[in-house]
Amino acid sequence: MNINAYSPQIIIGACVIVLIVMCLIAWAIHRQRSRRRTEDLRRRFGPEYDDAVVRYGSRSRAEAALESRVQRAEHFNIRQLSATERARFISEWDAVQARFVDHPRGAVTEADELINAILVARGYPGGTFEQRSSDMSVHYPRMIDPYRRANAVVARAGKNEASTEELRTAMILFRALFEELAQSKTIEMRRAEAA
């Protein structure tokens, strides 16, 4: 047996190679997990994922924020509206829509307030618009952009800067959001199918 075969240089070289291989394996595993995390968040949040990347300035910060939203939402007690609550909200929505013809600015503001009331009734915590929209994005990611657009019109309407067409568009956006949150369209479709 050759003593030089086990010289310190060979042992150190073998250890370095093993260490490099282990680092490459760890990097590949980390990269795969990162890809899976990105895919999961993209699938869950849809267009909100891309908006978050732009808003936070990097993919990693956006993903951390989106994961934080998911963790926060796990503590909410989100529930469906009872039939009585749903009927009351539908009645209120009908009244808000009827007021739009004569008082579009006030009706849009009331529509925004009604959406907030539904969110609270469903179990979402109150707070600023940004917090509400972040919380809601976990369960309704495709409704966040319309919600933000409608809310921006409400803010402009409060300064008397929104046109009638913008108010009409906001009302349409709020209606879609209302139907999703109150599940009023689903209930109406079930009634029509039963008839």
C-alpha atoms as a PDB file:
ATOM      1  CA  MET A   1       0.000   0.000   0.000  1.00  0.00           C
ATOM      2  CA  ASN A   2       1.318   3.389  -1.001  1.00  0.00           C
ATOM      3  CA  ILE A   3       1.436   5.875   1.848  1.00  0.00           C
ATOM      4  CA  ASN A   4       1.293   8.775  -0.619  1.00  0.00           C
ATOM      5  CA  ALA A   5      -2.174   7.609  -1.722  1.00  0.00           C
ATOM      6  CA  TYR A   6      -3.546   9.036   1.531  1.00  0.00           C
ATOM      7  CA  SER A   7      -1.481  12.213   1.579  1.00  0.00           C
ATOM      8  CA  PRO A   8      -3.040  15.314   3.145  1.00  0.00           C
ATOM      9  CA  GLN A   9      -3.401  17.009  -0.252  1.00  0.00           C
ATOM     10  CA  ILE A  10      -5.503  14.155  -1.589  1.00  0.00           C
ATOM     11  CA  ILE A  11      -7.664  14.046   1.533  1.00  0.00           C
ATOM     12  CA  ILE A  12      -8.142  17.837   1.473  1.00  0.00           C
ATOM     13  CA  GLY A  13      -8.907  17.704  -2.267  1.00  0.00           C
ATOM     14  CA  ALA A  14     -11.495  14.967  -1.758  1.00  0.00           C
ATOM     15  CA  CYS A  15     -13.102  16.951   1.084  1.00  0.00           C
ATOM     16  CA  VAL A  16     -13.254  20.078  -1.082  1.00  0.00           C
ATOM     17  CA  ILE A  17     -14.896  18.129  -3.916  1.00  0.00           C
ATOM     18  CA  VAL A  18     -17.429  16.598  -1.513  1.00  0.00           C
ATOM     19  CA  LEU A  19     -18.120  20.046  -0.043  1.00  0.00           C
ATOM     20  CA  ILE A  20     -18.620  21.559  -3.515  1.00  0.00           C
ATOM     21  CA  VAL A  21     -20.994  18.733  -4.495  1.00  0.00           C
ATOM     22  CA  MET A  22     -22.970  19.201  -1.257  1.00  0.00           C
ATOM     23  CA  CYS A  23     -23.206  22.961  -1.866  1.00  0.00           C
ATOM     24  CA  LEU A  24     -24.429  22.371  -5.429  1.00  0.00           C
ATOM     25  CA  ILE A  25     -27.061  19.922  -4.199  1.00  0.00           C
ATOM     26  CA  ALA A  26     -28.199  22.357  -1.486  1.00  0.00           C
ATOM     27  CA  TRP A  27     -28.354  25.187  -4.042  1.00  0.00           C
ATOM     28  CA  ALA A  28     -30.394  23.033  -6.446  1.00  0.00           C
ATOM     29  CA  ILE A  29     -32.838  22.079  -3.674  1.00  0.00           C
ATOM     30  CA  HIS A  30     -33.173  25.720  -2.607  1.00  0.00           C
ATOM     31  CA  ARG A  31     -33.734  26.810  -6.203  1.00  0.00           C
ATOM     32  CA  GLN A  32     -36.388  24.110  -6.714  1.00  0.00           C
ATOM     33  CA  ARG A  33     -38.209  25.166  -3.519  1.00  0.00           C
ATOM     34  CA  SER A  34     -38.003  28.783  -4.598  1.00  0.00           C
ATOM     35  CA  ARG A  35     -39.504  27.939  -7.998  1.00  0.00           C
ATOM     36  CA  ARG A  36     -42.271  25.926  -6.371  1.00  0.00           C
ATOM     37  CA  ARG A  37     -42.974  28.780  -3.931  1.00  0.00           C
ATOM     38  CA  THR A  38     -43.157  31.245  -6.834  1.00  0.00           C
ATOM     39  CA  GLU A  39     -45.463  28.974  -8.839  1.00  0.00           C
ATOM     40  CA  ASP A  40     -47.731  28.427  -5.830  1.00  0.00           C
ATOM     41  CA  LEU A  41     -47.986  32.152  -5.128  1.00  0.00           C
ATOM     42  CA  ARG A  42     -48.561  32.993  -8.805  1.00  0.00           C
ATOM     43  CA  ARG A  43     -51.325  30.397  -8.979  1.00  0.00           C
ATOM     44  CA  ARG A  44     -52.931  31.570  -5.740  1.00  0.00           C
ATOM     45  CA  PHE A  45     -52.720  35.336  -6.306  1.00  0.00           C
ATOM     46  CA  GLY A  46     -52.925  35.567 -10.105  1.00  0.00           C
ATOM     47  CA  PRO A  47     -52.491  39.156 -11.310  1.00  0.00           C
ATOM     48  CA  GLU A  48     -52.038  40.342  -7.730  1.00  0.00           C
ATOM     49  CA  TYR A  49     -48.665  38.511  -7.719  1.00  0.00           C
ATOM     50  CA  ASP A  50     -47.357  40.690 -10.564  1.00  0.00           C
ATOM     51  CA  ASP A  51     -48.762  43.825  -8.946  1.00  0.00           C
ATOM     52  CA  ALA A  52     -46.989  42.924  -5.707  1.00  0.00           C
ATOM     53  CA  VAL A  53     -43.665  42.455  -7.515  1.00  0.00           C
ATOM     54  CA  VAL A  54     -44.014  45.948  -8.985  1.00  0.00           C
ATOM     55  CA  ARG A  55     -45.204  47.452  -5.686  1.00  0.00           C
ATOM     56  CA  TYR A  56     -42.451  45.885  -3.551  1.00  0.00           C
ATOM     57  CA  GLY A  57     -39.700  46.254  -6.146  1.00  0.00           C
ATOM     58  CA  SER A  58     -38.461  42.665  -6.095  1.00  0.00           C
ATOM     59  CA  ARG A  59     -39.768  39.150  -6.372  1.00  0.00           C
ATOM     60  CA  SER A  60     -38.407  38.071  -2.991  1.00  0.00           C
ATOM     61  CA  ARG A  61     -39.939  41.024  -1.099  1.00  0.00           C
ATOM     62  CA  ALA A  62     -43.252  40.561  -2.926  1.00  0.00           C
ATOM     63  CA  GLU A  63     -43.335  36.853  -2.127  1.00  0.00           C
ATOM     64  CA  ALA A  64     -42.528  37.525   1.521  1.00  0.00           C
ATOM     65  CA  ALA A  65     -45.394  40.047   1.672  1.00  0.00           C
ATOM     66  CA  LEU A  66     -47.833  37.666  -0.036  1.00  0.00           C
ATOM     67  CA  GLU A  67     -46.878  34.836   2.303  1.00  0.00           C
ATOM     68  CA  SER A  68     -47.354  37.212   5.224  1.00  0.00           C
ATOM     69  CA  ARG A  69     -50.890  37.919   3.952  1.00  0.00           C
ATOM     70  CA  VAL A  70     -51.645  34.202   3.826  1.00  0.00           C
ATOM     71  CA  GLN A  71     -50.355  33.702   7.379  1.00  0.00           C
ATOM     72  CA  ARG A  72     -52.385  36.682   8.630  1.00  0.00           C
ATOM     73  CA  ALA A  73     -55.536  35.398   6.903  1.00  0.00           C
ATOM     74  CA  GLU A  74     -55.175  32.007   8.584  1.00  0.00           C
ATOM     75  CA  HIS A  75     -56.245  33.731  11.823  1.00  0.00           C
ATOM     76  CA  PHE A  76     -59.447  35.150  10.342  1.00  0.00           C
ATOM     77  CA  ASN A  77     -62.772  33.462  10.927  1.00  0.00           C
ATOM     78  CA  ILE A  78     -64.141  33.917   7.398  1.00  0.00           C
ATOM     79  CA  ARG A  79     -67.701  32.721   6.955  1.00  0.00           C
ATOM     80  CA  GLN A  80     -70.530  32.810   4.443  1.00  0.00           C
ATOM     81  CA  LEU A  81     -73.352  35.253   4.942  1.00  0.00           C
ATOM     82  CA  SER A  82     -76.538  33.877   6.434  1.00  0.00           C
ATOM     83  CA  ALA A  83     -79.644  33.996   4.252  1.00  0.00           C
ATOM     84  CA  THR A  84     -80.979  36.902   6.347  1.00  0.00           C
ATOM     85  CA  GLU A  85     -77.738  38.857   6.062  1.00  0.00           C
ATOM     86  CA  ARG A  86     -77.543  38.211   2.329  1.00  0.00           C
ATOM     87  CA  ALA A  87     -81.133  39.390   1.822  1.00  0.00           C
ATOM     88  CA  ARG A  88     -80.452  42.550   3.844  1.00  0.00           C
ATOM     89  CA  PHE A  89     -77.282  43.331   1.875  1.00  0.00           C
ATOM     90  CA  ILE A  90     -79.049  42.693  -1.449  1.00  0.00           C
ATOM     91  CA  SER A  91     -81.813  45.072  -0.405  1.00  0.00           C
ATOM     92  CA  GLU A  92     -79.237  47.700   0.593  1.00  0.00           C
ATOM     93  CA  TRP A  93     -77.399  47.210  -2.708  1.00  0.00           C
ATOM     94  CA  ASP A  94     -80.622  47.670  -4.676  1.00  0.00           C
ATOM     95  CA  ALA A  95     -81.255  50.951  -2.800  1.00  0.00           C
ATOM     96  CA  VAL A  96     -77.712  52.177  -3.499  1.00  0.00           C
ATOM     97  CA  GLN A  97     -78.063  51.375  -7.200  1.00  0.00           C
ATOM     98  CA  ALA A  98     -81.404  53.189  -7.351  1.00  0.00           C
ATOM     99  CA  ARG A  99     -79.816  56.330  -5.831  1.00  0.00           C
ATOM    100  CA  PHE A 100     -77.072  56.331  -8.465  1.00  0.00           C
ATOM    101  CA  VAL A 101     -79.302  57.979 -11.093  1.00  0.00           C
ATOM    102  CA  ASP A 102     -79.920  61.107  -8.997  1.00  0.00           C
ATOM    103  CA  HIS A 103     -76.827  61.093  -6.773  1.00  0.00           C
ATOM    104  CA  PRO A 104     -73.971  59.182  -8.463  1.00  0.00           C
ATOM    105  CA  ARG A 105     -71.213  60.463  -6.190  1.00  0.00           C
ATOM    106  CA  GLY A 106     -73.091  59.612  -3.002  1.00  0.00           C
ATOM    107  CA  ALA A 107     -74.159  56.213  -4.360  1.00  0.00           C
ATOM    108  CA  VAL A 108     -70.578  55.240  -5.190  1.00  0.00           C
ATOM    109  CA  THR A 109     -69.468  56.232  -1.691  1.00  0.00           C
ATOM    110  CA  GLU A 110     -72.328  54.180  -0.222  1.00  0.00           C
ATOM    111  CA  ALA A 111     -71.372  51.220  -2.430  1.00  0.00           C
ATOM    112  CA  ASP A 112     -67.836  51.374  -1.025  1.00  0.00           C
ATOM    113  CA  GLU A 113     -69.209  51.474   2.522  1.00  0.00           C
ATOM    114  CA  LEU A 114     -71.516  48.526   1.774  1.00  0.00           C
ATOM    115  CA  ILE A 115     -68.574  46.454   0.502  1.00  0.00           C
ATOM    116  CA  ASN A 116     -66.741  47.246   3.741  1.00  0.00           C
ATOM    117  CA  ALA A 117     -69.778  46.199   5.777  1.00  0.00           C
ATOM    118  CA  ILE A 118     -69.979  42.878   3.911  1.00  0.00           C
ATOM    119  CA  LEU A 119     -66.268  42.245   4.504  1.00  0.00           C
ATOM    120  CA  VAL A 120     -66.714  42.823   8.239  1.00  0.00           C
ATOM    121  CA  ALA A 121     -69.842  40.636   8.331  1.00  0.00           C
ATOM    122  CA  ARG A 122     -67.917  37.861   6.569  1.00  0.00           C
ATOM    123  CA  GLY A 123     -65.142  38.012   9.205  1.00  0.00           C
ATOM    124  CA  TYR A 124     -62.485  40.248   7.668  1.00  0.00           C
ATOM    125  CA  PRO A 125     -60.985  42.708  10.133  1.00  0.00           C
ATOM    126  CA  GLY A 126     -61.500  46.405   9.509  1.00  0.00           C
ATOM    127  CA  GLY A 127     -58.683  48.832   8.939  1.00  0.00           C
ATOM    128  CA  THR A 128     -57.354  50.990   6.162  1.00  0.00           C
ATOM    129  CA  PHE A 129     -58.243  50.335   2.559  1.00  0.00           C
ATOM    130  CA  GLU A 130     -54.767  48.933   1.900  1.00  0.00           C
ATOM    131  CA  GLN A 131     -55.092  46.481   4.804  1.00  0.00           C
ATOM    132  CA  ARG A 132     -58.592  45.410   3.731  1.00  0.00           C
ATOM    133  CA  SER A 133     -57.508  44.872   0.135  1.00  0.00           C
ATOM    134  CA  SER A 134     -54.417  42.936   1.245  1.00  0.00           C
ATOM    135  CA  ASP A 135     -56.523  40.744   3.521  1.00  0.00           C
ATOM    136  CA  MET A 136     -59.139  40.194   0.844  1.00  0.00           C
ATOM    137  CA  SER A 137     -56.509  39.311  -1.776  1.00  0.00           C
ATOM    138  CA  VAL A 138     -55.859  35.977  -0.079  1.00  0.00           C
ATOM    139  CA  HIS A 139     -59.368  34.729  -0.906  1.00  0.00           C
ATOM    140  CA  TYR A 140     -60.357  36.997  -3.815  1.00  0.00           C
ATOM    141  CA  PRO A 141     -57.134  37.871  -5.653  1.00  0.00           C
ATOM    142  CA  ARG A 142     -58.825  38.558  -8.977  1.00  0.00           C
ATOM    143  CA  MET A 143     -61.163  41.085  -7.382  1.00  0.00           C
ATOM    144  CA  ILE A 144     -58.411  43.271  -5.918  1.00  0.00           C
ATOM    145  CA  ASP A 145     -57.625  45.284  -9.041  1.00  0.00           C
ATOM    146  CA  PRO A 146     -61.311  46.185  -9.587  1.00  0.00           C
ATOM    147  CA  TYR A 147     -61.590  47.009  -5.875  1.00  0.00           C
ATOM    148  CA  ARG A 148     -58.552  49.315  -6.048  1.00  0.00           C
ATOM    149  CA  ARG A 149     -59.829  51.010  -9.210  1.00  0.00           C
ATOM    150  CA  ALA A 150     -63.274  51.591  -7.701  1.00  0.00           C
ATOM    151  CA  ASN A 151     -61.788  52.862  -4.443  1.00  0.00           C
ATOM    152  CA  ALA A 152     -59.575  55.310  -6.362  1.00  0.00           C
ATOM    153  CA  VAL A 153     -62.723  56.738  -7.974  1.00  0.00           C
ATOM    154  CA  VAL A 154     -64.325  57.069  -4.518  1.00  0.00           C
ATOM    155  CA  ALA A 155     -61.270  59.030  -3.364  1.00  0.00           C
ATOM    156  CA  ARG A 156     -61.489  61.327  -6.421  1.00  0.00           C
ATOM    157  CA  ALA A 157     -65.244  61.677  -5.923  1.00  0.00           C
ATOM    158  CA  GLY A 158     -64.614  62.856  -2.372  1.00  0.00           C
ATOM    159  CA  LYS A 159     -62.619  65.755  -3.867  1.00  0.00           C
ATOM    160  CA  ASN A 160     -65.275  66.288  -6.557  1.00  0.00           C
ATOM    161  CA  GLU A 161     -62.760  65.231  -9.243  1.00  0.00           C
ATOM    162  CA  ALA A 162     -64.502  62.126 -10.657  1.00  0.00           C
ATOM    163  CA  SER A 163     -66.493  62.311 -13.865  1.00  0.00           C
ATOM    164  CA  THR A 164     -69.925  60.739 -14.198  1.00  0.00           C
ATOM    165  CA  GLU A 165     -68.419  58.061 -16.457  1.00  0.00           C
ATOM    166  CA  GLU A 166     -65.795  57.226 -13.817  1.00  0.00           C
ATOM    167  CA  LEU A 167     -68.530  56.997 -11.189  1.00  0.00           C
ATOM    168  CA  ARG A 168     -70.534  54.674 -13.468  1.00  0.00           C
ATOM    169  CA  THR A 169     -67.461  52.480 -13.988  1.00  0.00           C
ATOM    170  CA  ALA A 170     -66.825  52.384 -10.229  1.00  0.00           C
ATOM    171  CA  MET A 171     -70.420  51.327  -9.644  1.00  0.00           C
ATOM    172  CA  ILE A 172     -70.021  48.478 -12.148  1.00  0.00           C
ATOM    173  CA  LEU A 173     -66.814  47.383 -10.417  1.00  0.00           C
ATOM    174  CA  PHE A 174     -68.481  47.540  -7.003  1.00  0.00           C
ATOM    175  CA  ARG A 175     -71.401  45.495  -8.328  1.00  0.00           C
ATOM    176  CA  ALA A 176     -69.067  42.693  -9.447  1.00  0.00           C
ATOM    177  CA  LEU A 177     -67.351  42.802  -6.065  1.00  0.00           C
ATOM    178  CA  PHE A 178     -70.696  42.843  -4.265  1.00  0.00           C
ATOM    179  CA  GLU A 179     -71.943  39.816  -6.214  1.00  0.00           C
ATOM    180  CA  GLU A 180     -68.765  37.901  -5.407  1.00  0.00           C
ATOM    181  CA  LEU A 181     -68.718  38.735  -1.701  1.00  0.00           C
ATOM    182  CA  ALA A 182     -72.464  38.398  -1.118  1.00  0.00           C
ATOM    183  CA  GLN A 183     -72.759  35.475  -3.535  1.00  0.00           C
ATOM    184  CA  SER A 184     -75.933  37.120  -4.782  1.00  0.00           C
ATOM    185  CA  LYS A 185     -75.436  36.051  -8.390  1.00  0.00           C
ATOM    186  CA  THR A 186     -75.032  32.410  -7.322  1.00  0.00           C
ATOM    187  CA  ILE A 187     -78.232  32.581  -5.281  1.00  0.00           C
ATOM    188  CA  GLU A 188     -80.147  34.212  -8.161  1.00  0.00           C
ATOM    189  CA  MET A 189     -78.891  31.549 -10.601  1.00  0.00           C
ATOM    190  CA  ARG A 190     -79.959  28.751  -8.231  1.00  0.00           C
ATOM    191  CA  ARG A 191     -83.425  30.314  -7.894  1.00  0.00           C
ATOM    192  CA  ALA A 192     -83.758  30.571 -11.676  1.00  0.00           C
ATOM    193  CA  GLU A 193     -82.691  26.936 -12.138  1.00  0.00           C
ATOM    194  CA  ALA A 194     -85.201  25.780  -9.496  1.00  0.00           C
ATOM    195  CA  ALA A 195     -88.095  27.642 -11.149  1.00  0.00           C
END
